[in-house]
Amino acid sequence: MTPWFLYLIRTADNKLYTGITTDVERRYQQHQSGKGAKALRGKGELTLAFSAPVGDRSLALRAEYRVKQLTKRQKERLVAEGTGFAELLSSLQTQRLKAIEVLVILNQTGYAVQRVIR
């Protein structure tokens, strides 16, 4: 299984863009060449501010969503210190385990499981 990464790119106007990928360097180059996200096109010089492995795609998507909900100040702390990132991943993994436990209980009690809990 290919590991997924969460990354933050800083634009010339000091904004932080959050994304996920399996290859940070490749994705950064795509953003630099204008072939990445539209949100970064025409934003001047881009710098890779932060990247960290997060596990599989599902966990990466959840981590990306959570980081996008952070305030600018919290994102800056994440970039500067990595503050809170381990706790964020731990929280997401715990939520996943609880969702799996619920599915197992539902299956054991004979209830039809309609969808995977996210």
Protein backbone atom coordinates (compact mmCIF):
# COMPACT_ATOMS: atom_id res chain seq x y z
CA MET A 1 0.00 0.00 0.00
CA THR A 2 1.36 3.40 -1.02
CA PRO A 3 1.51 5.89 1.86
CA TRP A 4 -0.37 9.17 1.53
CA PHE A 5 0.93 12.55 2.65
CA LEU A 6 -0.70 15.77 3.76
CA TYR A 7 1.08 18.93 2.60
CA LEU A 8 0.74 22.69 2.90
CA ILE A 9 2.02 25.10 0.26
CA ARG A 10 2.60 28.78 1.00
CA THR A 11 1.75 31.27 -1.75
CA ALA A 12 3.52 34.58 -2.42
CA ASP A 13 0.73 36.42 -0.59
CA ASN A 14 1.33 34.19 2.48
CA LYS A 15 -1.77 32.01 2.15
CA LEU A 16 -1.58 28.30 2.93
CA TYR A 17 -3.00 25.70 0.55
CA THR A 18 -3.67 22.22 1.94
CA GLY A 19 -3.61 19.04 -0.14
CA ILE A 20 -2.89 15.31 -0.13
CA THR A 21 -0.81 13.12 -2.42
CA THR A 22 1.23 9.93 -2.62
CA ASP A 23 4.27 11.83 -3.94
CA VAL A 24 4.86 15.25 -2.40
CA GLU A 25 7.72 16.28 -4.70
CA ARG A 26 5.79 15.36 -7.87
CA ARG A 27 2.68 17.18 -6.68
CA TYR A 28 4.67 20.25 -5.66
CA GLN A 29 6.26 20.37 -9.12
CA GLN A 30 2.79 20.12 -10.68
CA HIS A 31 1.65 23.10 -8.63
CA GLN A 32 4.81 25.02 -9.55
CA SER A 33 4.26 24.42 -13.27
CA GLY A 34 0.59 25.47 -13.14
CA LYS A 35 -0.71 21.93 -13.67
CA GLY A 36 -1.91 21.48 -10.10
CA ALA A 37 -4.90 22.95 -8.30
CA LYS A 38 -6.55 25.98 -9.88
CA ALA A 39 -6.44 27.71 -6.50
CA LEU A 40 -2.65 28.02 -6.82
CA ARG A 41 -2.41 29.17 -10.43
CA GLY A 42 -1.12 32.69 -10.80
CA LYS A 43 -0.30 33.00 -7.09
CA GLY A 44 3.38 33.75 -7.63
CA GLU A 45 6.19 31.85 -5.99
CA LEU A 46 5.10 28.75 -4.10
CA THR A 47 7.00 27.12 -1.25
CA LEU A 48 6.38 23.76 0.35
CA ALA A 49 5.71 24.72 3.97
CA PHE A 50 4.82 21.36 5.53
CA SER A 51 4.41 17.69 4.66
CA ALA A 52 3.84 14.58 6.73
CA PRO A 53 2.82 10.97 6.09
CA VAL A 54 -0.73 10.23 7.20
CA GLY A 55 -1.38 6.61 6.20
CA ASP A 56 -3.94 5.51 3.65
CA ARG A 57 -6.09 7.62 1.33
CA SER A 58 -9.11 7.57 3.63
CA LEU A 59 -7.14 8.91 6.57
CA ALA A 60 -5.43 11.47 4.31
CA LEU A 61 -8.80 12.80 3.14
CA ARG A 62 -9.98 13.15 6.72
CA ALA A 63 -6.77 14.86 7.78
CA GLU A 64 -7.00 17.25 4.83
CA TYR A 65 -10.57 18.16 5.76
CA ARG A 66 -9.61 18.77 9.40
CA VAL A 67 -6.59 20.91 8.52
CA LYS A 68 -8.69 22.97 6.12
CA GLN A 69 -11.00 23.73 9.07
CA LEU A 70 -8.14 25.14 11.15
CA THR A 71 -7.63 28.86 11.53
CA LYS A 72 -4.69 30.53 9.83
CA ARG A 73 -2.99 30.82 13.22
CA GLN A 74 -3.40 27.08 13.90
CA LYS A 75 -2.05 26.23 10.45
CA GLU A 76 0.95 28.47 11.07
CA ARG A 77 1.63 26.63 14.35
CA LEU A 78 1.37 23.33 12.49
CA VAL A 79 3.91 24.56 9.91
CA ALA A 80 6.28 26.05 12.49
CA GLU A 81 6.16 23.36 15.16
CA GLY A 82 4.09 20.45 13.92
CA THR A 83 1.87 21.35 16.88
CA GLY A 84 -1.23 19.21 17.10
CA PHE A 85 -0.57 17.03 14.06
CA ALA A 86 0.06 13.81 16.00
CA GLU A 87 -3.08 14.44 18.06
CA LEU A 88 -5.08 15.08 14.89
CA LEU A 89 -3.98 11.77 13.36
CA SER A 90 -4.61 9.91 16.59
CA SER A 91 -8.11 11.37 16.79
CA LEU A 92 -8.88 10.36 13.20
CA GLN A 93 -7.60 6.82 13.76
CA THR A 94 -9.70 6.50 16.93
CA GLN A 95 -12.80 7.66 15.05
CA ARG A 96 -12.12 5.07 12.36
CA LEU A 97 -11.82 2.28 14.94
CA LYS A 98 -15.08 3.35 16.59
CA ALA A 99 -16.83 3.30 13.20
CA ILE A 100 -15.53 -0.22 12.56
CA GLU A 101 -16.72 -1.34 16.01
CA VAL A 102 -20.21 0.02 15.26
CA LEU A 103 -20.30 -1.88 11.96
CA VAL A 104 -19.26 -5.11 13.68
CA ILE A 105 -21.95 -4.69 16.36
CA LEU A 106 -24.59 -3.95 13.72
CA ASN A 107 -23.58 -7.03 11.76
CA GLN A 108 -23.60 -9.23 14.87
CA THR A 109 -27.08 -8.07 15.86
CA GLY A 110 -28.49 -8.83 12.42
CA TYR A 111 -29.10 -5.27 11.32
CA ALA A 112 -28.47 -4.60 7.67
CA VAL A 113 -25.57 -2.24 7.18
CA GLN A 114 -26.53 0.27 4.50
CA ARG A 115 -23.29 2.22 4.25
CA VAL A 116 -19.85 2.53 5.74
CA ILE A 117 -19.69 5.05 8.56
CA ARG A 118 -17.23 7.82 7.78
